[in-house]
Structures are given as structure tokens and as C-alpha cells.
């Protein structure tokens, strides 16, 4: 059940990432065109690009966690399954700590910055910092799924 939910969430996030990526490319192209061809820079394009880039980075970090795209160093031989499971459990705990920091302090930062305004877009800076807690929440979801998978593997290793 959780795997299905994570699959759905990942598909939705990936679609949003493709939309944000296309918008980022279009925004930067417009910025270059306006500055170099029209000789009239569009101030707002820089802020839109920064906003889209932040969402892309943090969505990508969460999806990368689920798909195993982040770097991983194998320090233990594969034959020592109990020790490898312990190392995986420690890595999951570290992941939960990072995700919790993103979620909790990211939300705190977004709330502190909500009264400030992005002048060129006339929007709250809250939207610039919201990717942090959203990414932390997604990471938590994916780490719960990975933890359940690890527990299932541990049960098989004990047998």
C-alpha cells in the first residue's frame, strides 16, 4: 500500500519537475533574449528562475533518495548480511535526521520569511523557502517506505 502511494507521489513530483524544468529553460531563454537582443532586461526572470531552480533541486533530492540516485559508499563486504543491514539502518536513521531538519527548520525559515516580498514578482518569500519542508516531508515518506523494506529484508535474513 505504501509503495503504491510512493509510486503515485513520485510520478506526480516527476511531472511537476518536468514542468518546472521547461519553465526554467523558457525563463532563462527569455532573460537572455531580452538582455542581448532587445537590450531591455526583464528583472522578474531572474527571480522566477531562482524559484523554479529551488523547487527542482529539492524535489530532485527527494526523488533521488527514493530511486537510489544519491552516491553510496560500500564499506562492508556483501557477504556479511547482518552487518550490512545494521549499516543500512544507521544510514536510514541519518536520512531521517536530515529529512526532519529540512522539514522542521525549513518550515520555520519559510514562516519567518513569509512577510518579506520578492519585489519583482510581488509574492511572499515563503514560496522561495517552501521547497525545503516539502522536500523533507517527501523524504520522510520515502524513508518510511525504505525502512519497511529493510525490516522485511531483516526478517528474511534471520530465517
N, C-alpha and C. Protein backbone atom coordinates (compact mmCIF):
# COMPACT_ATOMS: atom_id res chain seq x y z
N UNK A 1 0.82 -1.20 0.00
CA UNK A 1 0.00 0.00 0.00
C UNK A 1 0.87 1.27 0.00
N UNK A 2 1.86 1.28 0.89
CA UNK A 2 2.74 2.45 0.96
C UNK A 2 3.55 2.60 -0.33
N UNK A 3 3.96 1.48 -0.90
CA UNK A 3 4.73 1.53 -2.15
C UNK A 3 3.88 2.14 -3.26
N UNK A 4 2.61 1.80 -3.31
CA UNK A 4 1.72 2.39 -4.32
C UNK A 4 1.60 3.89 -4.12
N UNK A 5 1.44 4.31 -2.87
CA UNK A 5 1.35 5.74 -2.58
C UNK A 5 2.65 6.44 -3.00
N UNK A 6 3.78 5.86 -2.66
CA UNK A 6 5.07 6.45 -3.03
C UNK A 6 5.25 6.48 -4.54
N UNK A 7 4.79 5.43 -5.23
CA UNK A 7 4.86 5.43 -6.69
C UNK A 7 4.05 6.58 -7.27
N UNK A 8 2.83 6.77 -6.76
CA UNK A 8 1.96 7.85 -7.24
C UNK A 8 2.58 9.21 -6.95
N UNK A 9 3.04 9.41 -5.73
CA UNK A 9 3.65 10.69 -5.35
C UNK A 9 4.87 10.97 -6.23
N UNK A 10 5.67 9.95 -6.47
CA UNK A 10 6.87 10.13 -7.30
C UNK A 10 6.51 10.50 -8.72
N UNK A 11 5.48 9.86 -9.26
CA UNK A 11 5.05 10.20 -10.63
C UNK A 11 4.58 11.65 -10.70
N UNK A 12 3.79 12.08 -9.72
CA UNK A 12 3.30 13.46 -9.70
C UNK A 12 4.47 14.44 -9.57
N UNK A 13 5.39 14.14 -8.67
CA UNK A 13 6.55 15.03 -8.47
C UNK A 13 7.40 15.10 -9.73
N UNK A 14 7.58 13.98 -10.40
CA UNK A 14 8.37 14.00 -11.64
C UNK A 14 7.69 14.84 -12.72
N UNK A 15 6.38 14.76 -12.83
CA UNK A 15 5.66 15.60 -13.80
C UNK A 15 5.86 17.07 -13.44
N UNK A 16 5.72 17.39 -12.16
CA UNK A 16 5.93 18.77 -11.73
C UNK A 16 7.37 19.23 -12.01
N UNK A 17 8.31 18.32 -11.85
CA UNK A 17 9.71 18.66 -12.14
C UNK A 17 9.92 18.94 -13.62
N UNK A 18 9.30 18.15 -14.49
CA UNK A 18 9.43 18.40 -15.93
C UNK A 18 8.81 19.74 -16.32
N UNK A 19 7.67 20.05 -15.71
CA UNK A 19 7.02 21.34 -15.98
C UNK A 19 7.93 22.48 -15.50
N UNK A 20 8.46 22.33 -14.28
CA UNK A 20 9.34 23.37 -13.73
C UNK A 20 10.61 23.50 -14.57
N UNK A 21 11.15 22.38 -15.04
CA UNK A 21 12.36 22.42 -15.86
C UNK A 21 12.10 23.15 -17.18
N UNK A 22 10.98 22.83 -17.81
CA UNK A 22 10.63 23.51 -19.08
C UNK A 22 10.43 25.00 -18.84
N UNK A 23 9.76 25.34 -17.74
CA UNK A 23 9.54 26.75 -17.41
C UNK A 23 10.87 27.45 -17.11
N UNK A 24 11.78 26.75 -16.44
CA UNK A 24 13.09 27.32 -16.15
C UNK A 24 13.87 27.61 -17.43
N UNK A 25 13.87 26.67 -18.35
CA UNK A 25 14.57 26.87 -19.63
C UNK A 25 13.95 28.04 -20.39
N UNK A 26 12.62 28.09 -20.43
CA UNK A 26 11.94 29.18 -21.13
C UNK A 26 12.24 30.53 -20.48
N UNK A 27 12.25 30.56 -19.15
CA UNK A 27 12.51 31.80 -18.43
C UNK A 27 13.93 32.30 -18.68
N UNK A 28 14.90 31.39 -18.60
CA UNK A 28 16.29 31.79 -18.83
C UNK A 28 16.49 32.21 -20.28
N UNK A 29 15.87 31.51 -21.22
CA UNK A 29 15.97 31.89 -22.64
C UNK A 29 15.38 33.27 -22.86
N UNK A 30 14.24 33.54 -22.23
CA UNK A 30 13.61 34.86 -22.34
C UNK A 30 14.52 35.93 -21.74
N UNK A 31 15.14 35.59 -20.62
CA UNK A 31 16.05 36.54 -19.97
C UNK A 31 17.23 36.88 -20.90
N UNK A 32 17.82 35.88 -21.51
CA UNK A 32 18.95 36.09 -22.42
C UNK A 32 18.50 36.88 -23.65
N UNK A 33 17.37 36.50 -24.21
CA UNK A 33 16.83 37.19 -25.38
C UNK A 33 16.56 38.66 -25.07
N UNK A 34 15.90 38.91 -23.96
CA UNK A 34 15.57 40.29 -23.60
C UNK A 34 16.82 41.13 -23.37
N UNK A 35 17.81 40.55 -22.71
CA UNK A 35 19.01 41.30 -22.40
C UNK A 35 19.90 41.52 -23.62
N UNK A 36 20.07 40.49 -24.43
CA UNK A 36 21.05 40.57 -25.52
C UNK A 36 20.48 40.99 -26.86
N UNK A 37 19.20 40.74 -27.09
CA UNK A 37 18.61 41.10 -28.38
C UNK A 37 17.76 42.36 -28.25
N UNK A 38 16.90 42.38 -27.27
CA UNK A 38 16.01 43.53 -27.09
C UNK A 38 16.66 44.66 -26.31
N UNK A 39 17.81 44.39 -25.70
CA UNK A 39 18.55 45.37 -24.89
C UNK A 39 17.68 45.96 -23.79
N UNK A 40 16.78 45.15 -23.28
CA UNK A 40 15.89 45.58 -22.21
C UNK A 40 15.69 44.41 -21.25
N UNK A 41 16.53 44.31 -20.22
CA UNK A 41 16.46 43.15 -19.32
C UNK A 41 15.12 43.09 -18.58
N UNK A 42 14.64 41.87 -18.41
CA UNK A 42 13.42 41.63 -17.64
C UNK A 42 13.84 41.21 -16.24
N UNK A 43 13.61 42.07 -15.28
CA UNK A 43 14.08 41.85 -13.91
C UNK A 43 13.47 40.60 -13.29
N UNK A 44 12.21 40.35 -13.54
CA UNK A 44 11.50 39.25 -12.89
C UNK A 44 11.99 37.87 -13.30
N UNK A 45 12.63 37.74 -14.46
CA UNK A 45 13.05 36.42 -14.94
C UNK A 45 14.08 35.77 -14.02
N UNK A 46 14.93 36.56 -13.42
CA UNK A 46 15.94 36.03 -12.51
C UNK A 46 15.29 35.42 -11.28
N UNK A 47 14.29 36.10 -10.73
CA UNK A 47 13.60 35.58 -9.54
C UNK A 47 12.77 34.34 -9.86
N UNK A 48 12.14 34.32 -11.02
CA UNK A 48 11.37 33.13 -11.42
C UNK A 48 12.32 31.95 -11.59
N UNK A 49 13.46 32.18 -12.22
CA UNK A 49 14.44 31.11 -12.42
C UNK A 49 14.94 30.59 -11.08
N UNK A 50 15.20 31.49 -10.15
CA UNK A 50 15.67 31.08 -8.82
C UNK A 50 14.61 30.25 -8.10
N UNK A 51 13.37 30.66 -8.18
CA UNK A 51 12.27 29.93 -7.55
C UNK A 51 12.12 28.53 -8.15
N UNK A 52 12.11 28.45 -9.46
CA UNK A 52 11.97 27.15 -10.13
C UNK A 52 13.17 26.25 -9.83
N UNK A 53 14.36 26.83 -9.79
CA UNK A 53 15.56 26.05 -9.52
C UNK A 53 15.52 25.45 -8.11
N UNK A 54 15.05 26.24 -7.15
CA UNK A 54 14.94 25.73 -5.77
C UNK A 54 13.99 24.54 -5.70
N UNK A 55 12.84 24.65 -6.35
CA UNK A 55 11.88 23.55 -6.36
C UNK A 55 12.47 22.33 -7.05
N UNK A 56 13.16 22.54 -8.16
CA UNK A 56 13.78 21.42 -8.87
C UNK A 56 14.82 20.71 -8.02
N UNK A 57 15.66 21.46 -7.36
CA UNK A 57 16.72 20.86 -6.54
C UNK A 57 16.13 20.02 -5.42
N UNK A 58 15.18 20.56 -4.69
CA UNK A 58 14.68 19.84 -3.53
C UNK A 58 13.72 18.72 -3.90
N UNK A 59 12.93 18.88 -4.94
CA UNK A 59 12.14 17.75 -5.44
C UNK A 59 13.07 16.66 -5.94
N UNK A 60 14.10 17.05 -6.67
CA UNK A 60 15.06 16.09 -7.20
C UNK A 60 15.79 15.34 -6.09
N UNK A 61 16.11 16.02 -5.01
CA UNK A 61 16.78 15.36 -3.88
C UNK A 61 15.88 14.29 -3.28
N UNK A 62 14.59 14.59 -3.15
CA UNK A 62 13.66 13.61 -2.59
C UNK A 62 13.48 12.42 -3.52
N UNK A 63 13.25 12.68 -4.79
CA UNK A 63 13.07 11.58 -5.76
C UNK A 63 14.37 10.78 -5.87
N UNK A 64 15.50 11.45 -5.84
CA UNK A 64 16.79 10.76 -5.87
C UNK A 64 16.98 9.83 -4.68
N UNK A 65 16.48 10.24 -3.53
CA UNK A 65 16.54 9.38 -2.35
C UNK A 65 15.75 8.10 -2.58
N UNK A 66 14.57 8.24 -3.14
CA UNK A 66 13.73 7.06 -3.37
C UNK A 66 14.31 6.13 -4.43
N UNK A 67 14.87 6.69 -5.46
CA UNK A 67 15.35 5.87 -6.57
C UNK A 67 16.79 5.39 -6.38
N UNK A 68 17.43 5.81 -5.30
CA UNK A 68 18.80 5.38 -5.05
C UNK A 68 19.82 6.11 -5.91
N UNK A 69 19.49 7.30 -6.35
CA UNK A 69 20.37 8.05 -7.25
C UNK A 69 21.50 8.77 -6.52
N UNK A 70 21.41 8.89 -5.20
CA UNK A 70 22.47 9.56 -4.44
C UNK A 70 23.67 8.63 -4.31
N UNK A 71 24.83 9.23 -4.17
CA UNK A 71 26.05 8.44 -4.01
C UNK A 71 25.98 7.59 -2.76
N UNK A 72 26.55 6.42 -2.86
CA UNK A 72 26.58 5.50 -1.74
C UNK A 72 27.94 4.82 -1.75
N UNK A 73 28.55 4.70 -0.60
CA UNK A 73 29.85 4.06 -0.48
C UNK A 73 29.67 2.74 0.25
N UNK A 74 30.09 1.66 -0.39
CA UNK A 74 30.05 0.34 0.26
C UNK A 74 31.34 0.16 1.04
N UNK A 75 31.22 0.06 2.35
CA UNK A 75 32.40 -0.08 3.19
C UNK A 75 32.54 -1.51 3.72
N UNK A 76 31.48 -2.28 3.60
CA UNK A 76 31.49 -3.63 4.16
C UNK A 76 31.33 -4.65 3.05
N UNK A 77 31.94 -5.82 3.21
CA UNK A 77 31.75 -6.86 2.19
C UNK A 77 30.30 -7.31 2.13
N UNK A 78 29.85 -7.67 0.93
CA UNK A 78 28.45 -8.05 0.75
C UNK A 78 28.07 -9.32 1.49
N UNK A 79 29.02 -10.19 1.75
CA UNK A 79 28.71 -11.47 2.40
C UNK A 79 28.27 -11.34 3.84
N UNK A 80 28.55 -10.21 4.47
CA UNK A 80 28.20 -10.03 5.88
C UNK A 80 26.84 -9.34 5.98
N UNK A 81 25.79 -10.09 5.72
CA UNK A 81 24.43 -9.53 5.64
C UNK A 81 23.97 -8.85 6.93
N UNK A 82 24.16 -9.43 8.11
CA UNK A 82 23.70 -8.74 9.33
C UNK A 82 24.38 -7.39 9.53
N UNK A 83 25.68 -7.33 9.25
CA UNK A 83 26.40 -6.06 9.40
C UNK A 83 25.95 -5.05 8.35
N UNK A 84 25.67 -5.52 7.14
CA UNK A 84 25.15 -4.63 6.10
C UNK A 84 23.78 -4.09 6.46
N UNK A 85 22.94 -4.92 7.05
CA UNK A 85 21.62 -4.45 7.48
C UNK A 85 21.75 -3.39 8.57
N UNK A 86 22.70 -3.59 9.48
CA UNK A 86 22.95 -2.60 10.52
C UNK A 86 23.41 -1.28 9.90
N UNK A 87 24.32 -1.36 8.95
CA UNK A 87 24.80 -0.15 8.27
C UNK A 87 23.66 0.54 7.54
N UNK A 88 22.78 -0.24 6.91
CA UNK A 88 21.62 0.35 6.23
C UNK A 88 20.69 1.03 7.22
N UNK A 89 20.52 0.42 8.40
CA UNK A 89 19.66 1.02 9.43
C UNK A 89 20.25 2.34 9.92
N UNK A 90 21.56 2.38 10.11
CA UNK A 90 22.22 3.62 10.53
C UNK A 90 22.06 4.69 9.45
N UNK A 91 22.21 4.30 8.19
CA UNK A 91 22.03 5.25 7.08
C UNK A 91 20.60 5.78 7.05
N UNK A 92 19.63 4.91 7.30
CA UNK A 92 18.23 5.36 7.34
C UNK A 92 18.00 6.35 8.48
N UNK A 93 18.58 6.07 9.64
CA UNK A 93 18.44 7.00 10.76
C UNK A 93 19.05 8.35 10.44
N UNK A 94 20.20 8.35 9.79
CA UNK A 94 20.82 9.61 9.37
C UNK A 94 19.93 10.32 8.36
N UNK A 95 19.34 9.56 7.45
CA UNK A 95 18.41 10.13 6.47
C UNK A 95 17.21 10.77 7.13
N UNK A 96 16.66 10.07 8.15
CA UNK A 96 15.53 10.63 8.89
C UNK A 96 15.93 11.94 9.58
N UNK A 97 17.14 11.99 10.12
CA UNK A 97 17.61 13.21 10.78
C UNK A 97 17.68 14.38 9.79
N UNK A 98 18.25 14.13 8.63
CA UNK A 98 18.35 15.19 7.61
C UNK A 98 16.96 15.61 7.14
N UNK A 99 16.09 14.64 6.89
CA UNK A 99 14.73 14.95 6.43
C UNK A 99 13.97 15.75 7.48
N UNK A 100 14.14 15.38 8.75
CA UNK A 100 13.46 16.10 9.82
C UNK A 100 13.98 17.54 9.90
N UNK A 101 15.30 17.71 9.77
CA UNK A 101 15.87 19.07 9.78
C UNK A 101 15.31 19.91 8.64
N UNK A 102 15.22 19.33 7.45
CA UNK A 102 14.65 20.05 6.31
C UNK A 102 13.19 20.40 6.57
N UNK A 103 12.45 19.45 7.10
CA UNK A 103 11.03 19.66 7.35
C UNK A 103 10.80 20.71 8.43
N UNK A 104 11.41 20.51 9.58
CA UNK A 104 11.16 21.39 10.72
C UNK A 104 11.75 22.79 10.52
N UNK A 105 13.05 22.84 10.27
CA UNK A 105 13.70 24.15 10.15
C UNK A 105 13.39 24.83 8.81
N UNK A 106 13.11 24.03 7.80
CA UNK A 106 12.67 24.61 6.54
C UNK A 106 11.34 25.33 6.70
N UNK A 107 10.44 24.69 7.46
CA UNK A 107 9.14 25.33 7.72
C UNK A 107 9.33 26.59 8.56
N UNK A 108 10.19 26.50 9.58
CA UNK A 108 10.46 27.68 10.41
C UNK A 108 10.99 28.83 9.55
N UNK A 109 11.93 28.52 8.67
CA UNK A 109 12.51 29.54 7.80
C UNK A 109 11.45 30.12 6.85
N UNK A 110 10.63 29.26 6.28
CA UNK A 110 9.58 29.73 5.37
C UNK A 110 8.61 30.65 6.10
N UNK A 111 8.28 30.30 7.34
CA UNK A 111 7.35 31.13 8.11
C UNK A 111 7.97 32.47 8.49
N UNK A 112 9.26 32.46 8.81
CA UNK A 112 9.95 33.71 9.15
C UNK A 112 10.00 34.63 7.93
N UNK A 113 10.21 34.06 6.76
CA UNK A 113 10.37 34.84 5.54
C UNK A 113 9.04 35.18 4.85
N UNK A 114 7.92 34.70 5.38
CA UNK A 114 6.65 34.91 4.68
C UNK A 114 6.22 36.37 4.62
N UNK A 115 6.72 37.19 5.51
CA UNK A 115 6.33 38.60 5.48
C UNK A 115 7.18 39.42 4.50
N UNK A 116 8.32 38.87 4.09
CA UNK A 116 9.15 39.55 3.09
C UNK A 116 8.59 39.27 1.70
N UNK A 117 8.85 40.16 0.79
CA UNK A 117 8.29 40.05 -0.56
C UNK A 117 9.40 39.99 -1.61
N UNK A 118 9.17 39.15 -2.61
CA UNK A 118 10.04 39.16 -3.79
C UNK A 118 9.52 40.31 -4.64
N UNK A 119 10.26 41.39 -4.67
CA UNK A 119 9.77 42.63 -5.27
C UNK A 119 9.35 42.48 -6.73
N UNK A 120 10.15 41.80 -7.51
CA UNK A 120 9.85 41.72 -8.95
C UNK A 120 8.62 40.86 -9.25
N UNK A 121 8.28 39.96 -8.34
CA UNK A 121 7.13 39.07 -8.57
C UNK A 121 5.92 39.43 -7.72
N UNK A 122 6.15 40.26 -6.71
CA UNK A 122 5.11 40.64 -5.76
C UNK A 122 4.48 39.42 -5.10
N UNK A 123 5.35 38.48 -4.69
CA UNK A 123 4.90 37.30 -3.94
C UNK A 123 5.72 37.20 -2.66
N UNK A 124 5.20 36.47 -1.71
CA UNK A 124 5.88 36.26 -0.45
C UNK A 124 7.13 35.39 -0.65
N UNK A 125 8.17 35.69 0.11
CA UNK A 125 9.39 34.88 0.07
C UNK A 125 9.13 33.47 0.62
N UNK A 126 8.00 33.27 1.25
CA UNK A 126 7.58 31.95 1.72
C UNK A 126 7.71 30.92 0.61
N UNK A 127 7.33 31.30 -0.60
CA UNK A 127 7.36 30.37 -1.74
C UNK A 127 8.77 30.01 -2.16
N UNK A 128 9.74 30.87 -1.83
CA UNK A 128 11.14 30.57 -2.14
C UNK A 128 11.72 29.53 -1.18
N UNK A 129 11.18 29.49 0.04
CA UNK A 129 11.72 28.59 1.06
C UNK A 129 10.84 27.35 1.29
N UNK A 130 9.65 27.34 0.74
CA UNK A 130 8.74 26.20 0.91
C UNK A 130 9.31 24.88 0.37
N UNK A 131 10.15 24.88 -0.66
CA UNK A 131 10.70 23.59 -1.13
C UNK A 131 11.45 22.81 -0.05
N UNK A 132 12.03 23.48 0.94
CA UNK A 132 12.77 22.77 1.98
C UNK A 132 11.86 21.85 2.79
N UNK A 133 10.79 22.35 3.42
CA UNK A 133 9.95 21.42 4.18
C UNK A 133 9.18 20.43 3.31
N UNK A 134 8.81 20.84 2.11
CA UNK A 134 8.11 19.90 1.22
C UNK A 134 9.04 18.73 0.89
N UNK A 135 10.28 19.05 0.58
CA UNK A 135 11.26 18.00 0.29
C UNK A 135 11.50 17.13 1.52
N UNK A 136 11.61 17.75 2.68
CA UNK A 136 11.78 16.98 3.91
C UNK A 136 10.63 16.03 4.15
N UNK A 137 9.41 16.48 3.89
CA UNK A 137 8.24 15.61 4.04
C UNK A 137 8.26 14.45 3.06
N UNK A 138 8.60 14.75 1.82
CA UNK A 138 8.71 13.68 0.82
C UNK A 138 9.79 12.68 1.21
N UNK A 139 10.91 13.19 1.69
CA UNK A 139 11.99 12.29 2.11
C UNK A 139 11.54 11.40 3.26
N UNK A 140 10.80 11.97 4.20
CA UNK A 140 10.28 11.17 5.32
C UNK A 140 9.41 10.04 4.81
N UNK A 141 8.51 10.35 3.88
CA UNK A 141 7.64 9.33 3.30
C UNK A 141 8.48 8.23 2.66
N UNK A 142 9.45 8.61 1.86
CA UNK A 142 10.28 7.63 1.17
C UNK A 142 11.15 6.84 2.15
N UNK A 143 11.59 7.47 3.23
CA UNK A 143 12.39 6.76 4.22
C UNK A 143 11.56 5.77 5.02
N UNK A 144 10.30 6.10 5.27
CA UNK A 144 9.40 5.12 5.92
C UNK A 144 9.26 3.90 5.02
N UNK A 145 9.07 4.14 3.73
CA UNK A 145 8.98 3.02 2.78
C UNK A 145 10.27 2.19 2.80
N UNK A 146 11.41 2.85 2.77
CA UNK A 146 12.70 2.13 2.78
C UNK A 146 12.89 1.37 4.09
N UNK A 147 12.42 1.95 5.20
CA UNK A 147 12.53 1.28 6.50
C UNK A 147 11.69 0.01 6.52
N UNK A 148 10.49 0.09 5.96
CA UNK A 148 9.63 -1.09 5.92
C UNK A 148 10.27 -2.18 5.05
N UNK A 149 10.90 -1.78 3.98
CA UNK A 149 11.59 -2.74 3.11
C UNK A 149 12.77 -3.37 3.85
N UNK A 150 13.49 -2.56 4.63
CA UNK A 150 14.63 -3.07 5.39
C UNK A 150 14.18 -4.06 6.46
N UNK A 151 13.07 -3.76 7.13
CA UNK A 151 12.53 -4.67 8.14
C UNK A 151 12.13 -6.00 7.49
N UNK A 152 11.53 -5.92 6.32
CA UNK A 152 11.15 -7.16 5.61
C UNK A 152 12.40 -7.95 5.23
N UNK A 153 13.45 -7.26 4.78
CA UNK A 153 14.71 -7.94 4.43
C UNK A 153 15.36 -8.55 5.66
N UNK A 154 15.26 -7.84 6.77
CA UNK A 154 15.86 -8.35 8.01
C UNK A 154 15.17 -9.63 8.43
N UNK A 155 13.87 -9.67 8.28
CA UNK A 155 13.12 -10.89 8.60
C UNK A 155 13.58 -12.06 7.76
N UNK A 156 13.87 -11.80 6.50
CA UNK A 156 14.37 -12.86 5.62
C UNK A 156 15.79 -13.27 6.00
N UNK A 157 16.59 -12.32 6.45
CA UNK A 157 17.99 -12.62 6.80
C UNK A 157 18.07 -13.48 8.06
N UNK A 158 17.11 -13.29 8.97
CA UNK A 158 17.11 -14.04 10.22
C UNK A 158 16.72 -15.49 9.97
N UNK A 159 15.86 -15.73 9.00
CA UNK A 159 15.37 -17.09 8.74
C UNK A 159 16.42 -17.98 8.20
